[in-house]
C-alpha cells in the first residue's frame, strides 16, 4: 500500500497552514483535538464532509517528534488505513 501524507496546522502561526486545496486533496484528515476540526469547519465550511476529518483525541501538548506521540498517532491512524 502506498500512502501520500501532508502535514498542516490550523493556527494562523503554523509554519504550513491548512488550505482548501489540502482538504480537496486528502481522502482523510487526522486532527489531534476537536478544536482543530472546529477551526477547519469555521474556515472552510463548504469544503468537506464530517466523515473526512478524524479527531484522534490527543491533547496537543507534545514536543515535536515526541516518541510517545508518534506511537499514539500510529496506533490510531492504522485503524483507518489497514
C-alpha atoms as a PDB file:
ATOM      1  CA  UNK A   1       0.000   0.000   0.000  1.00  0.00           C
ATOM      2  CA  UNK A   2       1.300   3.421  -0.916  1.00  0.00           C
ATOM      3  CA  UNK A   3       0.315   6.463   1.097  1.00  0.00           C
ATOM      4  CA  UNK A   4       0.843  10.134   0.468  1.00  0.00           C
ATOM      5  CA  UNK A   5       0.879  12.285   3.584  1.00  0.00           C
ATOM      6  CA  UNK A   6       0.957  16.021   4.195  1.00  0.00           C
ATOM      7  CA  UNK A   7       1.108  17.977   7.416  1.00  0.00           C
ATOM      8  CA  UNK A   8      -0.513  21.336   8.098  1.00  0.00           C
ATOM      9  CA  UNK A   9      -1.648  23.301  11.112  1.00  0.00           C
ATOM     10  CA  UNK A  10      -4.837  25.154  11.952  1.00  0.00           C
ATOM     11  CA  UNK A  11      -3.306  28.078  13.858  1.00  0.00           C
ATOM     12  CA  UNK A  12      -2.573  31.315  11.991  1.00  0.00           C
ATOM     13  CA  UNK A  13       1.030  31.000  13.236  1.00  0.00           C
ATOM     14  CA  UNK A  14       1.518  27.477  11.797  1.00  0.00           C
ATOM     15  CA  UNK A  15       4.557  27.107   9.560  1.00  0.00           C
ATOM     16  CA  UNK A  16       2.320  25.419   6.945  1.00  0.00           C
ATOM     17  CA  UNK A  17      -1.349  26.284   7.440  1.00  0.00           C
ATOM     18  CA  UNK A  18      -4.072  24.015   6.031  1.00  0.00           C
ATOM     19  CA  UNK A  19      -5.608  25.221   2.767  1.00  0.00           C
ATOM     20  CA  UNK A  20      -8.747  24.425   0.825  1.00  0.00           C
ATOM     21  CA  UNK A  21      -6.530  22.653  -1.708  1.00  0.00           C
ATOM     22  CA  UNK A  22      -5.183  20.397   1.078  1.00  0.00           C
ATOM     23  CA  UNK A  23      -8.744  19.492   2.075  1.00  0.00           C
ATOM     24  CA  UNK A  24      -9.722  18.632  -1.501  1.00  0.00           C
ATOM     25  CA  UNK A  25      -6.532  16.583  -1.946  1.00  0.00           C
ATOM     26  CA  UNK A  26      -6.985  14.448   1.184  1.00  0.00           C
ATOM     27  CA  UNK A  27      -9.058  11.308   1.456  1.00  0.00           C
ATOM     28  CA  UNK A  28      -8.845  11.600   5.260  1.00  0.00           C
ATOM     29  CA  UNK A  29      -7.720  14.363   7.580  1.00  0.00           C
ATOM     30  CA  UNK A  30      -6.488  13.490  11.061  1.00  0.00           C
ATOM     31  CA  UNK A  31      -6.550  16.163  13.757  1.00  0.00           C
ATOM     32  CA  UNK A  32      -5.400  15.869  17.329  1.00  0.00           C
ATOM     33  CA  UNK A  33      -8.268  17.646  19.076  1.00  0.00           C
ATOM     34  CA  UNK A  34     -11.866  18.640  18.336  1.00  0.00           C
ATOM     35  CA  UNK A  35     -10.834  22.310  18.382  1.00  0.00           C
ATOM     36  CA  UNK A  36      -8.700  21.652  15.284  1.00  0.00           C
ATOM     37  CA  UNK A  37     -11.673  20.169  13.440  1.00  0.00           C
ATOM     38  CA  UNK A  38     -13.787  23.141  14.507  1.00  0.00           C
ATOM     39  CA  UNK A  39     -11.198  25.582  13.152  1.00  0.00           C
ATOM     40  CA  UNK A  40     -11.224  23.793   9.796  1.00  0.00           C
ATOM     41  CA  UNK A  41     -15.038  23.798   9.719  1.00  0.00           C
ATOM     42  CA  UNK A  42     -15.129  27.536  10.503  1.00  0.00           C
ATOM     43  CA  UNK A  43     -12.507  28.433   7.923  1.00  0.00           C
ATOM     44  CA  UNK A  44     -13.762  26.125   5.145  1.00  0.00           C
ATOM     45  CA  UNK A  45     -17.469  25.476   5.855  1.00  0.00           C
ATOM     46  CA  UNK A  46     -18.279  24.139   2.374  1.00  0.00           C
ATOM     47  CA  UNK A  47     -15.085  22.247   1.580  1.00  0.00           C
ATOM     48  CA  UNK A  48     -15.525  18.901   3.328  1.00  0.00           C
ATOM     49  CA  UNK A  49     -17.860  16.476   4.991  1.00  0.00           C
ATOM     50  CA  UNK A  50     -17.615  15.479   8.640  1.00  0.00           C
ATOM     51  CA  UNK A  51     -16.632  11.905   7.787  1.00  0.00           C
ATOM     52  CA  UNK A  52     -13.392  13.109   6.238  1.00  0.00           C
ATOM     53  CA  UNK A  53     -11.957  14.570   9.454  1.00  0.00           C
ATOM     54  CA  UNK A  54     -10.948  12.137  12.189  1.00  0.00           C
ATOM     55  CA  UNK A  55     -10.416  13.569  15.685  1.00  0.00           C
ATOM     56  CA  UNK A  56      -7.746  11.483  17.438  1.00  0.00           C
ATOM     57  CA  UNK A  57      -8.485  12.937  20.908  1.00  0.00           C
ATOM     58  CA  UNK A  58      -4.815  13.531  21.666  1.00  0.00           C
ATOM     59  CA  UNK A  59      -4.012  16.631  23.696  1.00  0.00           C
ATOM     60  CA  UNK A  60      -1.845  18.946  21.631  1.00  0.00           C
ATOM     61  CA  UNK A  61       0.852  19.375  24.265  1.00  0.00           C
ATOM     62  CA  UNK A  62       3.726  17.236  22.956  1.00  0.00           C
ATOM     63  CA  UNK A  63       7.098  18.376  21.722  1.00  0.00           C
ATOM     64  CA  UNK A  64       7.918  17.991  18.020  1.00  0.00           C
ATOM     65  CA  UNK A  65       8.589  14.327  17.116  1.00  0.00           C
ATOM     66  CA  UNK A  66       7.896  13.083  20.671  1.00  0.00           C
ATOM     67  CA  UNK A  67       8.222   9.266  20.611  1.00  0.00           C
ATOM     68  CA  UNK A  68       5.085   8.723  22.730  1.00  0.00           C
ATOM     69  CA  UNK A  69       3.057  10.967  20.423  1.00  0.00           C
ATOM     70  CA  UNK A  70       4.286   9.159  17.322  1.00  0.00           C
ATOM     71  CA  UNK A  71       3.325   5.774  18.785  1.00  0.00           C
ATOM     72  CA  UNK A  72      -0.122   7.011  19.790  1.00  0.00           C
ATOM     73  CA  UNK A  73      -0.763   8.561  16.380  1.00  0.00           C
ATOM     74  CA  UNK A  74       0.387   5.438  14.509  1.00  0.00           C
ATOM     75  CA  UNK A  75      -1.963   3.263  16.552  1.00  0.00           C
ATOM     76  CA  UNK A  76      -4.954   5.471  15.723  1.00  0.00           C
ATOM     77  CA  UNK A  77      -4.131   6.010  12.053  1.00  0.00           C
ATOM     78  CA  UNK A  78      -3.554   2.292  11.433  1.00  0.00           C
ATOM     79  CA  UNK A  79      -7.188   1.609  12.330  1.00  0.00           C
ATOM     80  CA  UNK A  80      -8.264   3.717   9.337  1.00  0.00           C
ATOM     81  CA  UNK A  81      -5.717   2.641   6.745  1.00  0.00           C
ATOM     82  CA  UNK A  82      -5.467  -1.083   7.426  1.00  0.00           C
END
